[in-house]
C-alpha atoms as a PDB file:
ATOM      1  CA  MET A   1      -1.499   3.952   7.479  1.00  0.00           C
ATOM      2  CA  ARG A   2       1.513   4.077   9.312  1.00  0.00           C
ATOM      3  CA  TYR A   3       3.437   0.598  10.056  1.00  0.00           C
ATOM      4  CA  THR A   4       3.201  -0.148  13.735  1.00  0.00           C
ATOM      5  CA  GLY A   5       4.386  -3.753  13.987  1.00  0.00           C
ATOM      6  CA  PRO A   6       7.710  -5.116  14.363  1.00  0.00           C
ATOM      7  CA  LYS A   7      10.369  -2.625  13.017  1.00  0.00           C
ATOM      8  CA  VAL A   8      13.060  -5.328  11.970  1.00  0.00           C
ATOM      9  CA  ARG A   9      10.526  -6.688   9.764  1.00  0.00           C
ATOM     10  CA  LEU A  10      10.697  -3.626   7.587  1.00  0.00           C
ATOM     11  CA  SER A  11      14.307  -3.830   7.267  1.00  0.00           C
ATOM     12  CA  ARG A  12      14.185  -7.413   5.972  1.00  0.00           C
ATOM     13  CA  ARG A  13      11.341  -6.816   3.696  1.00  0.00           C
ATOM     14  CA  ALA A  14      13.387  -3.586   2.293  1.00  0.00           C
ATOM     15  CA  GLY A  15      16.573  -5.531   1.992  1.00  0.00           C
ATOM     16  CA  VAL A  16      18.365  -3.063   3.915  1.00  0.00           C
ATOM     17  CA  PRO A  17      18.918  -2.037   7.636  1.00  0.00           C
ATOM     18  CA  LEU A  18      16.664   0.945   8.181  1.00  0.00           C
ATOM     19  CA  THR A  19      17.518   1.569  11.899  1.00  0.00           C
ATOM     20  CA  ARG A  20      20.659   1.138  13.902  1.00  0.00           C
ATOM     21  CA  LYS A  21      18.892  -1.562  15.732  1.00  0.00           C
ATOM     22  CA  ALA A  22      18.116  -3.606  12.595  1.00  0.00           C
ATOM     23  CA  VAL A  23      21.707  -3.889  11.513  1.00  0.00           C
ATOM     24  CA  ARG A  24      22.535  -6.803  13.588  1.00  0.00           C
ATOM     25  CA  TYR A  25      19.465  -8.509  13.220  1.00  0.00           C
ATOM     26  CA  PHE A  26      19.583  -7.862   9.345  1.00  0.00           C
ATOM     27  CA  GLU A  27      23.128  -9.572   9.262  1.00  0.00           C
ATOM     28  CA  GLU A  28      21.771 -12.573  10.763  1.00  0.00           C
ATOM     29  CA  ARG A  29      18.650 -12.991   8.682  1.00  0.00           C
ATOM     30  CA  PRO A  30      19.155 -10.848   5.282  1.00  0.00           C
ATOM     31  CA  TYR A  31      16.452 -12.549   3.729  1.00  0.00           C
ATOM     32  CA  PRO A  32      12.653 -11.382   3.614  1.00  0.00           C
ATOM     33  CA  PRO A  33      10.317 -12.396   6.880  1.00  0.00           C
ATOM     34  CA  GLY A  34       7.722 -15.030   6.350  1.00  0.00           C
ATOM     35  CA  GLU A  35       7.614 -18.952   5.980  1.00  0.00           C
ATOM     36  CA  HIS A  36       9.029 -18.497   2.426  1.00  0.00           C
ATOM     37  CA  GLY A  37      11.645 -15.998   2.939  1.00  0.00           C
ATOM     38  CA  ARG A  38      14.534 -17.547   2.601  1.00  0.00           C
ATOM     39  CA  LYS A  39      13.469 -18.909  -1.032  1.00  0.00           C
ATOM     40  CA  THR A  40      12.422 -15.299  -2.143  1.00  0.00           C
ATOM     41  CA  ASN A  41      14.691 -14.010  -4.929  1.00  0.00           C
ATOM     42  CA  ARG A  42      14.878 -10.282  -4.888  1.00  0.00           C
ATOM     43  CA  ARG A  43      16.270 -10.037  -8.217  1.00  0.00           C
ATOM     44  CA  GLN A  44      13.034 -11.445 -10.152  1.00  0.00           C
ATOM     45  CA  THR A  45      10.822  -8.638  -8.688  1.00  0.00           C
ATOM     46  CA  GLY A  46       9.466  -6.558 -11.790  1.00  0.00           C
ATOM     47  CA  ASP A  47       9.917  -2.965 -12.595  1.00  0.00           C
ATOM     48  CA  TYR A  48       6.886  -2.055 -11.062  1.00  0.00           C
ATOM     49  CA  GLY A  49       7.638  -4.121  -7.829  1.00  0.00           C
ATOM     50  CA  VAL A  50      11.168  -2.247  -7.535  1.00  0.00           C
ATOM     51  CA  ARG A  51       9.890   1.006  -7.695  1.00  0.00           C
ATOM     52  CA  LEU A  52       7.062   0.310  -5.063  1.00  0.00           C
ATOM     53  CA  MET A  53       9.714  -1.281  -2.842  1.00  0.00           C
ATOM     54  CA  GLU A  54      11.846   1.952  -3.053  1.00  0.00           C
ATOM     55  CA  LYS A  55       8.961   4.123  -2.347  1.00  0.00           C
ATOM     56  CA  GLN A  56       8.097   2.122   0.455  1.00  0.00           C
ATOM     57  CA  LYS A  57      11.781   2.126   1.890  1.00  0.00           C
ATOM     58  CA  LEU A  58      11.535   5.769   1.853  1.00  0.00           C
ATOM     59  CA  ARG A  59       8.253   5.944   3.808  1.00  0.00           C
ATOM     60  CA  TRP A  60       9.645   3.297   6.440  1.00  0.00           C
ATOM     61  CA  TYR A  61      12.659   5.210   6.784  1.00  0.00           C
ATOM     62  CA  TYR A  62      11.026   8.583   7.807  1.00  0.00           C
ATOM     63  CA  ASP A  63       8.020   6.739   9.276  1.00  0.00           C
ATOM     64  CA  VAL A  64       5.461   8.763   7.255  1.00  0.00           C
ATOM     65  CA  SER A  65       2.108   7.114   5.916  1.00  0.00           C
ATOM     66  CA  GLU A  66       1.178   7.054   2.190  1.00  0.00           C
ATOM     67  CA  ARG A  67      -1.057   9.862   2.538  1.00  0.00           C
ATOM     68  CA  GLN A  68       1.699  12.273   3.879  1.00  0.00           C
ATOM     69  CA  MET A  69       4.127  10.812   1.261  1.00  0.00           C
ATOM     70  CA  ARG A  70       1.610  11.892  -1.620  1.00  0.00           C
ATOM     71  CA  ARG A  71       1.297  15.347  -0.049  1.00  0.00           C
ATOM     72  CA  TYR A  72       5.446  15.620   0.125  1.00  0.00           C
ATOM     73  CA  TRP A  73       5.450  14.713  -3.173  1.00  0.00           C
ATOM     74  CA  GLY A  74       2.929  17.217  -4.577  1.00  0.00           C
ATOM     75  CA  MET A  75       4.950  19.787  -2.580  1.00  0.00           C
ATOM     76  CA  ALA A  76       8.183  18.381  -4.149  1.00  0.00           C
ATOM     77  CA  LEU A  77       6.747  18.822  -7.619  1.00  0.00           C
ATOM     78  CA  ARG A  78       6.141  22.409  -6.976  1.00  0.00           C
ATOM     79  CA  GLY A  79       9.987  22.949  -5.636  1.00  0.00           C
ATOM     80  CA  THR A  80      12.686  24.552  -7.710  1.00  0.00           C
ATOM     81  CA  GLY A  81      15.031  21.527  -7.846  1.00  0.00           C
ATOM     82  CA  ARG A  82      14.693  17.934  -9.200  1.00  0.00           C
ATOM     83  CA  SER A  83      11.627  16.557  -7.716  1.00  0.00           C
ATOM     84  CA  GLY A  84      13.254  13.383  -5.885  1.00  0.00           C
ATOM     85  CA  ALA A  85      15.962  15.569  -4.273  1.00  0.00           C
ATOM     86  CA  GLU A  86      13.003  17.883  -3.232  1.00  0.00           C
ATOM     87  CA  LEU A  87      11.301  15.156  -1.762  1.00  0.00           C
ATOM     88  CA  VAL A  88      14.174  13.883   0.161  1.00  0.00           C
ATOM     89  CA  ALA A  89      14.857  17.254   1.512  1.00  0.00           C
ATOM     90  CA  LEU A  90      11.396  17.542   2.659  1.00  0.00           C
ATOM     91  CA  LEU A  91      11.506  14.546   4.594  1.00  0.00           C
ATOM     92  CA  GLU A  92      14.787  15.245   6.052  1.00  0.00           C
ATOM     93  CA  SER A  93      13.422  18.564   7.461  1.00  0.00           C
ATOM     94  CA  ARG A  94      10.664  17.165   9.443  1.00  0.00           C
ATOM     95  CA  LEU A  95      11.183  17.820  13.038  1.00  0.00           C
ATOM     96  CA  ALA A  96      11.040  14.229  13.976  1.00  0.00           C
ATOM     97  CA  SER A  97      13.487  13.529  11.389  1.00  0.00           C
ATOM     98  CA  LEU A  98      16.030  16.523  12.545  1.00  0.00           C
ATOM     99  CA  VAL A  99      15.762  15.136  16.162  1.00  0.00           C
ATOM    100  CA  LEU A 100      16.878  11.946  15.048  1.00  0.00           C
ATOM    101  CA  ARG A 101      19.635  13.219  13.069  1.00  0.00           C
ATOM    102  CA  ALA A 102      20.878  15.571  15.859  1.00  0.00           C
ATOM    103  CA  GLY A 103      21.622  12.421  17.977  1.00  0.00           C
ATOM    104  CA  PHE A 104      18.910  13.074  20.497  1.00  0.00           C
ATOM    105  CA  ALA A 105      16.941   9.807  19.815  1.00  0.00           C
ATOM    106  CA  PRO A 106      17.850   6.188  19.020  1.00  0.00           C
ATOM    107  CA  SER A 107      15.574   5.690  16.059  1.00  0.00           C
ATOM    108  CA  ILE A 108      13.017   7.527  14.122  1.00  0.00           C
ATOM    109  CA  TYR A 109      10.287   5.970  15.911  1.00  0.00           C
ATOM    110  CA  ALA A 110      11.564   7.316  19.385  1.00  0.00           C
ATOM    111  CA  ALA A 111      12.063  10.767  17.817  1.00  0.00           C
ATOM    112  CA  ARG A 112       8.328  10.730  16.776  1.00  0.00           C
ATOM    113  CA  GLN A 113       7.295   9.741  20.338  1.00  0.00           C
ATOM    114  CA  TYR A 114       9.241  12.407  22.046  1.00  0.00           C
ATOM    115  CA  VAL A 115       7.774  15.099  19.748  1.00  0.00           C
ATOM    116  CA  THR A 116       4.293  13.754  20.222  1.00  0.00           C
ATOM    117  CA  HIS A 117       4.698  13.560  24.047  1.00  0.00           C
ATOM    118  CA  GLY A 118       5.746  17.265  24.059  1.00  0.00           C
ATOM    119  CA  HIS A 119       9.286  17.219  24.948  1.00  0.00           C
ATOM    120  CA  ILE A 120      10.639  19.089  22.002  1.00  0.00           C
ATOM    121  CA  THR A 121      10.426  22.941  21.269  1.00  0.00           C
ATOM    122  CA  VAL A 122      10.949  25.275  18.239  1.00  0.00           C
ATOM    123  CA  ASP A 123      12.546  28.475  18.890  1.00  0.00           C
ATOM    124  CA  GLY A 124      11.437  27.931  22.515  1.00  0.00           C
ATOM    125  CA  ARG A 125       7.690  27.150  21.791  1.00  0.00           C
ATOM    126  CA  LYS A 126       6.434  23.404  22.285  1.00  0.00           C
ATOM    127  CA  VAL A 127       5.973  21.743  19.073  1.00  0.00           C
ATOM    128  CA  ASP A 128       3.996  18.198  19.258  1.00  0.00           C
ATOM    129  CA  ILE A 129       3.724  17.609  15.483  1.00  0.00           C
ATOM    130  CA  PRO A 130       6.441  15.200  13.968  1.00  0.00           C
ATOM    131  CA  GLY A 131       5.981  16.329  10.623  1.00  0.00           C
ATOM    132  CA  TYR A 132       6.470  20.059  11.407  1.00  0.00           C
ATOM    133  CA  LEU A 133       8.786  21.372   8.577  1.00  0.00           C
ATOM    134  CA  VAL A 134      11.628  23.094  10.394  1.00  0.00           C
ATOM    135  CA  LYS A 135      13.189  26.152   8.515  1.00  0.00           C
ATOM    136  CA  PRO A 136      16.676  27.242   8.432  1.00  0.00           C
ATOM    137  CA  GLY A 137      17.842  29.422  11.418  1.00  0.00           C
ATOM    138  CA  GLN A 138      15.017  27.817  13.642  1.00  0.00           C
ATOM    139  CA  VAL A 139      16.422  26.349  16.995  1.00  0.00           C
ATOM    140  CA  VAL A 140      15.117  22.995  18.270  1.00  0.00           C
ATOM    141  CA  ALA A 141      15.703  21.789  21.845  1.00  0.00           C
ATOM    142  CA  VAL A 142      14.485  19.618  24.468  1.00  0.00           C
ATOM    143  CA  ARG A 143      12.446  21.140  26.888  1.00  0.00           C
ATOM    144  CA  ARG A 144      14.040  22.099  30.330  1.00  0.00           C
ATOM    145  CA  ARG A 145      11.716  19.836  32.459  1.00  0.00           C
ATOM    146  CA  SER A 146      12.252  16.944  30.076  1.00  0.00           C
ATOM    147  CA  ALA A 147      16.237  17.197  30.049  1.00  0.00           C
ATOM    148  CA  GLY A 148      16.747  14.902  33.286  1.00  0.00           C
ATOM    149  CA  MET A 149      14.792  12.010  31.629  1.00  0.00           C
ATOM    150  CA  GLN A 150      17.047   9.115  30.963  1.00  0.00           C
ATOM    151  CA  PRO A 151      16.546   9.167  27.156  1.00  0.00           C
ATOM    152  CA  PHE A 152      17.890  12.747  27.021  1.00  0.00           C
ATOM    153  CA  VAL A 153      20.691  12.044  29.556  1.00  0.00           C
ATOM    154  CA  ALA A 154      21.813   9.669  27.368  1.00  0.00           C
ATOM    155  CA  ALA A 155      21.398  11.884  24.249  1.00  0.00           C
ATOM    156  CA  SER A 156      23.666  14.712  25.807  1.00  0.00           C
ATOM    157  CA  GLU A 157      26.424  12.072  26.341  1.00  0.00           C
ATOM    158  CA  GLY A 158      26.266  11.153  22.651  1.00  0.00           C
ATOM    159  CA  ILE A 159      24.977   7.662  23.067  1.00  0.00           C
ATOM    160  CA  TYR A 160      22.523   8.185  19.752  1.00  0.00           C
ATOM    161  CA  ALA A 161      24.826  10.637  17.970  1.00  0.00           C
ATOM    162  CA  ASP A 162      26.198   9.473  14.336  1.00  0.00           C
ATOM    163  CA  ASP A 163      30.006   9.674  13.931  1.00  0.00           C
ATOM    164  CA  ARG A 164      29.566  12.606  11.991  1.00  0.00           C
ATOM    165  CA  THR A 165      27.368  15.577  12.457  1.00  0.00           C
ATOM    166  CA  ALA A 166      24.803  16.393   9.479  1.00  0.00           C
ATOM    167  CA  PRO A 167      26.521  19.506   7.979  1.00  0.00           C
ATOM    168  CA  TYR A 168      22.976  21.178   7.873  1.00  0.00           C
ATOM    169  CA  LEU A 169      22.995  21.010  11.604  1.00  0.00           C
ATOM    170  CA  ASP A 170      24.799  23.161  14.384  1.00  0.00           C
ATOM    171  CA  VAL A 171      24.349  20.742  17.597  1.00  0.00           C
ATOM    172  CA  ASP A 172      24.866  21.481  21.076  1.00  0.00           C
ATOM    173  CA  ARG A 173      24.729  18.171  22.649  1.00  0.00           C
ATOM    174  CA  THR A 174      25.143  18.899  26.461  1.00  0.00           C
ATOM    175  CA  GLY A 175      22.850  21.898  25.797  1.00  0.00           C
ATOM    176  CA  LEU A 176      20.288  19.531  24.098  1.00  0.00           C
ATOM    177  CA  ARG A 177      19.699  21.990  21.191  1.00  0.00           C
ATOM    178  CA  PHE A 178      20.304  22.252  17.572  1.00  0.00           C
ATOM    179  CA  THR A 179      19.915  24.735  15.068  1.00  0.00           C
ATOM    180  CA  LEU A 180      19.163  24.153  11.383  1.00  0.00           C
ATOM    181  CA  VAL A 181      21.690  26.240   9.775  1.00  0.00           C
ATOM    182  CA  GLY A 182      20.737  25.413   6.005  1.00  0.00           C
ATOM    183  CA  ARG A 183      18.186  23.344   3.963  1.00  0.00           C
ATOM    184  CA  PRO A 184      19.459  19.685   3.658  1.00  0.00           C
ATOM    185  CA  ALA A 185      20.802  19.186   0.315  1.00  0.00           C
ATOM    186  CA  ARG A 186      20.359  15.728  -1.335  1.00  0.00           C
ATOM    187  CA  GLU A 187      24.255  15.005  -1.428  1.00  0.00           C
ATOM    188  CA  GLN A 188      24.379  15.761   2.290  1.00  0.00           C
ATOM    189  CA  ILE A 189      21.697  13.196   3.452  1.00  0.00           C
ATOM    190  CA  THR A 190      22.646   9.632   4.083  1.00  0.00           C
ATOM    191  CA  VAL A 191      19.330   7.593   3.241  1.00  0.00           C
ATOM    192  CA  PRO A 192      19.351   4.225   1.537  1.00  0.00           C
ATOM    193  CA  VAL A 193      17.049   4.917  -1.184  1.00  0.00           C
ATOM    194  CA  ASP A 194      17.371   5.559  -4.850  1.00  0.00           C
ATOM    195  CA  GLU A 195      14.983   8.650  -5.222  1.00  0.00           C
ATOM    196  CA  GLN A 196      14.661   8.387  -8.810  1.00  0.00           C
ATOM    197  CA  LEU A 197      12.808   5.199  -8.795  1.00  0.00           C
ATOM    198  CA  VAL A 198      10.412   7.081  -6.555  1.00  0.00           C
ATOM    199  CA  VAL A 199       9.908   9.543  -9.078  1.00  0.00           C
ATOM    200  CA  GLU A 200       9.236   7.070 -11.605  1.00  0.00           C
ATOM    201  CA  PHE A 201       6.803   5.432  -9.285  1.00  0.00           C
ATOM    202  CA  TYR A 202       4.778   8.312  -8.863  1.00  0.00           C
ATOM    203  CA  SER A 203       5.124   9.690 -12.565  1.00  0.00           C
ATOM    204  CA  ARG A 204       3.762   6.442 -13.912  1.00  0.00           C
END
């Protein structure tokens, strides 16, 4: 199942801020949540626990369920590159992930909601599946009838944009559209996870 509770708690459990909003909260409370959070020593975690947490961090970062993660892992194994890099590239190619990366949403959770509520199109057709895998050359846009909504007006003004546009995206911010110009490469993806530990978790 996907986690639906307080999102900042995930960052504190993971040990890294997983969203923009979590950065400030994490700086104030950089220890795990709960009554004994301050006393928890992350360094004492065993090998299995370390690998499990790295897999969980990747899940939480992209807001996917364990069932979805295992499906992507199977796809990554069938890929031609390193399985860890393939896994991250697949997760980054999800429609919700790219809507976030293009600066059209403040968080992965908002991006998922925008997609499921029918505000996003791919090549002119409405797509309401957050896990839809976008292919290079496809054009993703906010529907014309949705463009006047406050979140998308803010997006057109660059409120949610990163300092640097991902090199695999060609973003037209004022037009609220972007094109995936190439498959994301691992070295181009900013994600606070050591995917080799995720590989070791699934390969055990």
